[in-house]
Amino acid sequence: MNLQFNEKGQAVPEKVVPITDAAFEAKSGTEIYWLGNAGALINSRGTALMIDPVLSGFDMPLLIDMPLTEAQVPHLDAVLLTHCDNDHYSRSTCKALAPVVSEFHATHYVASLLRDELGIDGKGHGIGEQFDAGNTHITAVHILTLEMVDITGLLVAVSANVLSVYYLSAAMIK
């Protein structure tokens, strides 16, 4: 990785690799793509999931170009939302993706926001709950609690135990 800085002295990531239609096609393995911010696209043997996608609607200028737009997403088996901070939950992205998403999964609170604000029937989950999306098995996990920091996340695992991904969503100040 080559660390670069802009004219204001802010660290700027390397150029984002565009995500193409091939990222959503059936695979024999698993591929993970960075969506920018805290977001990821996981394609595991043809099951396509996005975690915390913020492709539009961020409330401040970003230092990167997004790797794709909502209109370029052909289908998703699920969108997983870890919490409602603006770098993890974009109302405009969720609304734009809704026609191509089979299921939205989130915390109970974020599922209520999806329902009440956007009319999207999101499924709410608590820590320790497990659910499936396509061939992936997902567990909402509580990763770590320190005196002032509470880290939550998701454990995403393919059903054949080929891959486990701990996706840390954020450090939440208590």
C-alpha atoms as a PDB file:
ATOM      1  CA  MET A   1       0.000   0.000   0.000  1.00  0.00           C
ATOM      2  CA  ASN A   2       1.272   3.427  -0.941  1.00  0.00           C
ATOM      3  CA  LEU A   3       0.194   6.103   1.545  1.00  0.00           C
ATOM      4  CA  GLN A   4      -0.780   9.344  -0.197  1.00  0.00           C
ATOM      5  CA  PHE A   5      -1.930  12.736   1.078  1.00  0.00           C
ATOM      6  CA  ASN A   6      -4.069  15.406  -0.570  1.00  0.00           C
ATOM      7  CA  GLU A   7      -3.355  19.155  -0.572  1.00  0.00           C
ATOM      8  CA  LYS A   8      -5.007  19.496   2.879  1.00  0.00           C
ATOM      9  CA  GLY A   9      -2.715  16.872   4.389  1.00  0.00           C
ATOM     10  CA  GLN A  10      -5.456  14.241   4.651  1.00  0.00           C
ATOM     11  CA  ALA A  11      -4.517  10.619   4.022  1.00  0.00           C
ATOM     12  CA  VAL A  12      -6.147   9.415   0.802  1.00  0.00           C
ATOM     13  CA  PRO A  13      -6.585   5.728  -0.068  1.00  0.00           C
ATOM     14  CA  GLU A  14      -5.339   4.341  -3.325  1.00  0.00           C
ATOM     15  CA  LYS A  15      -7.721   4.489  -6.273  1.00  0.00           C
ATOM     16  CA  VAL A  16     -10.783   2.335  -5.716  1.00  0.00           C
ATOM     17  CA  VAL A  17     -11.083  -0.666  -8.034  1.00  0.00           C
ATOM     18  CA  PRO A  18     -14.407  -0.497  -9.925  1.00  0.00           C
ATOM     19  CA  ILE A  19     -16.802  -3.382  -9.282  1.00  0.00           C
ATOM     20  CA  THR A  20     -18.267  -4.905 -12.455  1.00  0.00           C
ATOM     21  CA  ASP A  21     -21.141  -7.311 -13.213  1.00  0.00           C
ATOM     22  CA  ALA A  22     -18.688 -10.205 -12.852  1.00  0.00           C
ATOM     23  CA  ALA A  23     -18.634  -9.596  -9.089  1.00  0.00           C
ATOM     24  CA  PHE A  24     -22.280 -10.743  -8.894  1.00  0.00           C
ATOM     25  CA  GLU A  25     -21.977 -13.909 -11.014  1.00  0.00           C
ATOM     26  CA  ALA A  26     -21.917 -17.430  -9.552  1.00  0.00           C
ATOM     27  CA  LYS A  27     -18.462 -18.343  -8.232  1.00  0.00           C
ATOM     28  CA  SER A  28     -16.864 -21.582  -7.147  1.00  0.00           C
ATOM     29  CA  GLY A  29     -15.231 -19.772  -4.226  1.00  0.00           C
ATOM     30  CA  THR A  30     -15.621 -16.548  -2.279  1.00  0.00           C
ATOM     31  CA  GLU A  31     -14.658 -13.006  -3.234  1.00  0.00           C
ATOM     32  CA  ILE A  32     -14.775  -9.902  -1.038  1.00  0.00           C
ATOM     33  CA  TYR A  33     -14.854  -6.378  -2.470  1.00  0.00           C
ATOM     34  CA  TRP A  34     -14.480  -3.068  -0.622  1.00  0.00           C
ATOM     35  CA  LEU A  35     -17.411  -0.716  -1.251  1.00  0.00           C
ATOM     36  CA  GLY A  36     -15.747   2.269   0.389  1.00  0.00           C
ATOM     37  CA  ASN A  37     -16.336   3.503   3.934  1.00  0.00           C
ATOM     38  CA  ALA A  38     -17.301   0.501   6.080  1.00  0.00           C
ATOM     39  CA  GLY A  39     -19.018  -1.400   3.255  1.00  0.00           C
ATOM     40  CA  ALA A  40     -18.219  -4.741   1.675  1.00  0.00           C
ATOM     41  CA  LEU A  41     -19.649  -6.936  -1.072  1.00  0.00           C
ATOM     42  CA  ILE A  42     -19.237 -10.668  -0.460  1.00  0.00           C
ATOM     43  CA  ASN A  43     -19.963 -13.166  -3.211  1.00  0.00           C
ATOM     44  CA  SER A  44     -19.739 -16.697  -1.874  1.00  0.00           C
ATOM     45  CA  ARG A  45     -20.511 -19.394  -4.413  1.00  0.00           C
ATOM     46  CA  GLY A  46     -23.118 -17.191  -6.053  1.00  0.00           C
ATOM     47  CA  THR A  47     -24.702 -15.718  -2.919  1.00  0.00           C
ATOM     48  CA  ALA A  48     -24.198 -11.954  -3.104  1.00  0.00           C
ATOM     49  CA  LEU A  49     -24.335  -9.940   0.145  1.00  0.00           C
ATOM     50  CA  MET A  50     -23.589  -6.315   0.879  1.00  0.00           C
ATOM     51  CA  ILE A  51     -22.659  -5.231   4.389  1.00  0.00           C
ATOM     52  CA  ASP A  52     -23.206  -1.572   5.308  1.00  0.00           C
ATOM     53  CA  PRO A  53     -23.368  -0.243   1.733  1.00  0.00           C
ATOM     54  CA  VAL A  54     -23.174   3.558   1.484  1.00  0.00           C
ATOM     55  CA  LEU A  55     -23.080   4.185  -2.260  1.00  0.00           C
ATOM     56  CA  SER A  56     -24.869   7.543  -2.098  1.00  0.00           C
ATOM     57  CA  GLY A  57     -26.369   9.897   0.435  1.00  0.00           C
ATOM     58  CA  PHE A  58     -23.291  10.401   2.606  1.00  0.00           C
ATOM     59  CA  ASP A  59     -23.577  13.771   4.320  1.00  0.00           C
ATOM     60  CA  MET A  60     -20.021  15.000   3.757  1.00  0.00           C
ATOM     61  CA  PRO A  61     -17.512  14.968   0.886  1.00  0.00           C
ATOM     62  CA  LEU A  62     -15.745  11.643   0.425  1.00  0.00           C
ATOM     63  CA  LEU A  63     -12.079  11.273  -0.465  1.00  0.00           C
ATOM     64  CA  ILE A  64     -12.745   8.306  -2.766  1.00  0.00           C
ATOM     65  CA  ASP A  65     -14.884   7.503  -5.764  1.00  0.00           C
ATOM     66  CA  MET A  66     -17.444   4.775  -5.112  1.00  0.00           C
ATOM     67  CA  PRO A  67     -16.608   1.493  -6.909  1.00  0.00           C
ATOM     68  CA  LEU A  68     -20.157   1.232  -8.329  1.00  0.00           C
ATOM     69  CA  THR A  69     -23.547   2.902  -8.212  1.00  0.00           C
ATOM     70  CA  GLU A  70     -26.817   1.442  -6.994  1.00  0.00           C
ATOM     71  CA  ALA A  71     -28.015   1.222 -10.620  1.00  0.00           C
ATOM     72  CA  GLN A  72     -25.096  -1.116 -11.427  1.00  0.00           C
ATOM     73  CA  VAL A  73     -26.162  -3.724  -8.838  1.00  0.00           C
ATOM     74  CA  PRO A  74     -28.059  -6.496 -10.685  1.00  0.00           C
ATOM     75  CA  HIS A  75     -29.180  -8.484  -7.613  1.00  0.00           C
ATOM     76  CA  LEU A  76     -28.360  -9.131  -3.978  1.00  0.00           C
ATOM     77  CA  ASP A  77     -29.444 -12.014  -1.807  1.00  0.00           C
ATOM     78  CA  ALA A  78     -29.183  -9.774   1.244  1.00  0.00           C
ATOM     79  CA  VAL A  79     -28.100  -6.431   2.595  1.00  0.00           C
ATOM     80  CA  LEU A  80     -26.759  -6.573   6.163  1.00  0.00           C
ATOM     81  CA  LEU A  81     -26.837  -3.377   8.224  1.00  0.00           C
ATOM     82  CA  THR A  82     -24.859  -3.312  11.458  1.00  0.00           C
ATOM     83  CA  HIS A  83     -26.072   0.020  12.880  1.00  0.00           C
ATOM     84  CA  CYS A  84     -27.455   3.395  11.788  1.00  0.00           C
ATOM     85  CA  ASP A  85     -24.383   5.649  11.789  1.00  0.00           C
ATOM     86  CA  ASN A  86     -24.234   7.524   8.490  1.00  0.00           C
ATOM     87  CA  ASP A  87     -21.097   5.716   7.309  1.00  0.00           C
ATOM     88  CA  HIS A  88     -22.875   2.332   7.696  1.00  0.00           C
ATOM     89  CA  TYR A  89     -26.530   3.062   6.867  1.00  0.00           C
ATOM     90  CA  SER A  90     -27.613   5.137   3.871  1.00  0.00           C
ATOM     91  CA  ARG A  91     -31.329   5.632   3.414  1.00  0.00           C
ATOM     92  CA  SER A  92     -30.862   6.581  -0.242  1.00  0.00           C
ATOM     93  CA  THR A  93     -28.718   3.507  -0.943  1.00  0.00           C
ATOM     94  CA  CYS A  94     -31.197   1.153   0.764  1.00  0.00           C
ATOM     95  CA  LYS A  95     -34.136   2.690  -1.072  1.00  0.00           C
ATOM     96  CA  ALA A  96     -32.361   2.472  -4.450  1.00  0.00           C
ATOM     97  CA  LEU A  97     -31.231  -1.143  -3.858  1.00  0.00           C
ATOM     98  CA  ALA A  98     -34.579  -2.402  -2.505  1.00  0.00           C
ATOM     99  CA  PRO A  99     -35.940  -3.597  -5.888  1.00  0.00           C
ATOM    100  CA  VAL A 100     -32.935  -5.933  -6.403  1.00  0.00           C
ATOM    101  CA  VAL A 101     -32.475  -7.142  -2.780  1.00  0.00           C
ATOM    102  CA  SER A 102     -34.133 -10.360  -1.598  1.00  0.00           C
ATOM    103  CA  GLU A 103     -33.806  -9.545   2.134  1.00  0.00           C
ATOM    104  CA  PHE A 104     -32.579  -6.795   4.442  1.00  0.00           C
ATOM    105  CA  HIS A 105     -31.140  -7.899   7.808  1.00  0.00           C
ATOM    106  CA  ALA A 106     -30.226  -5.493  10.596  1.00  0.00           C
ATOM    107  CA  THR A 107     -30.415  -4.867  14.305  1.00  0.00           C
ATOM    108  CA  HIS A 108     -33.970  -4.563  15.604  1.00  0.00           C
ATOM    109  CA  TYR A 109     -33.628  -0.778  15.744  1.00  0.00           C
ATOM    110  CA  VAL A 110     -32.301  -0.392  12.183  1.00  0.00           C
ATOM    111  CA  ALA A 111     -34.984  -2.792  10.909  1.00  0.00           C
ATOM    112  CA  SER A 112     -37.564  -0.454  12.468  1.00  0.00           C
ATOM    113  CA  LEU A 113     -35.975   2.501  10.623  1.00  0.00           C
ATOM    114  CA  LEU A 114     -36.132   0.589   7.341  1.00  0.00           C
ATOM    115  CA  ARG A 115     -39.807  -0.168   7.928  1.00  0.00           C
ATOM    116  CA  ASP A 116     -40.904   3.218   9.303  1.00  0.00           C
ATOM    117  CA  GLU A 117     -38.841   5.530   7.075  1.00  0.00           C
ATOM    118  CA  LEU A 118     -38.501   3.590   3.827  1.00  0.00           C
ATOM    119  CA  GLY A 119     -41.305   1.028   3.819  1.00  0.00           C
ATOM    120  CA  ILE A 120     -38.740  -1.806   3.551  1.00  0.00           C
ATOM    121  CA  ASP A 121     -39.537  -5.004   5.461  1.00  0.00           C
ATOM    122  CA  GLY A 122     -36.177  -5.530   7.151  1.00  0.00           C
ATOM    123  CA  LYS A 123     -35.633  -8.463   9.483  1.00  0.00           C
ATOM    124  CA  GLY A 124     -34.358  -7.411  12.915  1.00  0.00           C
ATOM    125  CA  HIS A 125     -31.827  -9.490  14.887  1.00  0.00           C
ATOM    126  CA  GLY A 126     -30.271  -9.351  18.331  1.00  0.00           C
ATOM    127  CA  ILE A 127     -26.784 -10.325  19.463  1.00  0.00           C
ATOM    128  CA  GLY A 128     -26.380 -14.103  19.229  1.00  0.00           C
ATOM    129  CA  GLU A 129     -29.190 -14.602  16.712  1.00  0.00           C
ATOM    130  CA  GLN A 130     -28.384 -16.651  13.617  1.00  0.00           C
ATOM    131  CA  PHE A 131     -29.909 -16.570  10.152  1.00  0.00           C
ATOM    132  CA  ASP A 132     -29.168 -17.673   6.599  1.00  0.00           C
ATOM    133  CA  ALA A 133     -28.936 -15.693   3.392  1.00  0.00           C
ATOM    134  CA  GLY A 134     -28.493 -17.962   0.395  1.00  0.00           C
ATOM    135  CA  ASN A 135     -25.689 -20.383   1.248  1.00  0.00           C
ATOM    136  CA  THR A 136     -24.227 -18.197   3.993  1.00  0.00           C
ATOM    137  CA  HIS A 137     -24.839 -18.561   7.699  1.00  0.00           C
ATOM    138  CA  ILE A 138     -24.700 -15.311   9.675  1.00  0.00           C
ATOM    139  CA  THR A 139     -24.477 -14.726  13.406  1.00  0.00           C
ATOM    140  CA  ALA A 140     -24.842 -11.318  15.042  1.00  0.00           C
ATOM    141  CA  VAL A 141     -21.976 -11.232  17.510  1.00  0.00           C
ATOM    142  CA  HIS A 142     -20.765  -9.021  20.328  1.00  0.00           C
ATOM    143  CA  ILE A 143     -17.041  -8.815  19.706  1.00  0.00           C
ATOM    144  CA  LEU A 144     -15.529  -6.910  22.602  1.00  0.00           C
ATOM    145  CA  THR A 145     -16.435  -4.643  25.482  1.00  0.00           C
ATOM    146  CA  LEU A 146     -13.867  -2.371  27.079  1.00  0.00           C
ATOM    147  CA  GLU A 147     -14.414   0.344  29.645  1.00  0.00           C
ATOM    148  CA  MET A 148     -15.498   2.968  27.082  1.00  0.00           C
ATOM    149  CA  VAL A 149     -15.764   1.065  23.801  1.00  0.00           C
ATOM    150  CA  ASP A 150     -18.279  -1.510  22.655  1.00  0.00           C
ATOM    151  CA  ILE A 151     -17.491  -3.278  19.382  1.00  0.00           C
ATOM    152  CA  THR A 152     -20.219  -5.203  17.614  1.00  0.00           C
ATOM    153  CA  GLY A 153     -20.255  -7.026  14.312  1.00  0.00           C
ATOM    154  CA  LEU A 154     -21.349  -9.954  12.235  1.00  0.00           C
ATOM    155  CA  LEU A 155     -19.884 -13.392  11.708  1.00  0.00           C
ATOM    156  CA  VAL A 156     -20.513 -14.431   8.122  1.00  0.00           C
ATOM    157  CA  ALA A 157     -19.748 -18.058   7.284  1.00  0.00           C
ATOM    158  CA  VAL A 158     -20.531 -20.142   4.214  1.00  0.00           C
ATOM    159  CA  SER A 159     -22.513 -23.247   4.992  1.00  0.00           C
ATOM    160  CA  ALA A 160     -19.712 -25.664   4.100  1.00  0.00           C
ATOM    161  CA  ASN A 161     -17.410 -24.006   6.662  1.00  0.00           C
ATOM    162  CA  VAL A 162     -15.099 -22.892   3.885  1.00  0.00           C
ATOM    163  CA  LEU A 163     -14.956 -19.269   5.010  1.00  0.00           C
ATOM    164  CA  SER A 164     -15.579 -17.296   8.144  1.00  0.00           C
ATOM    165  CA  VAL A 165     -15.420 -13.515   8.080  1.00  0.00           C
ATOM    166  CA  TYR A 166     -15.610 -11.397  11.214  1.00  0.00           C
ATOM    167  CA  TYR A 167     -16.951  -8.063  10.087  1.00  0.00           C
ATOM    168  CA  LEU A 168     -16.401  -5.466  12.780  1.00  0.00           C
ATOM    169  CA  SER A 169     -18.952  -2.751  12.353  1.00  0.00           C
ATOM    170  CA  ALA A 170     -17.689   0.023  14.579  1.00  0.00           C
ATOM    171  CA  ALA A 171     -16.289   1.121  17.875  1.00  0.00           C
ATOM    172  CA  MET A 172     -19.281   2.532  19.719  1.00  0.00           C
ATOM    173  CA  ILE A 173     -18.473   4.916  22.568  1.00  0.00           C
ATOM    174  CA  LYS A 174     -20.552   4.053  25.628  1.00  0.00           C
END
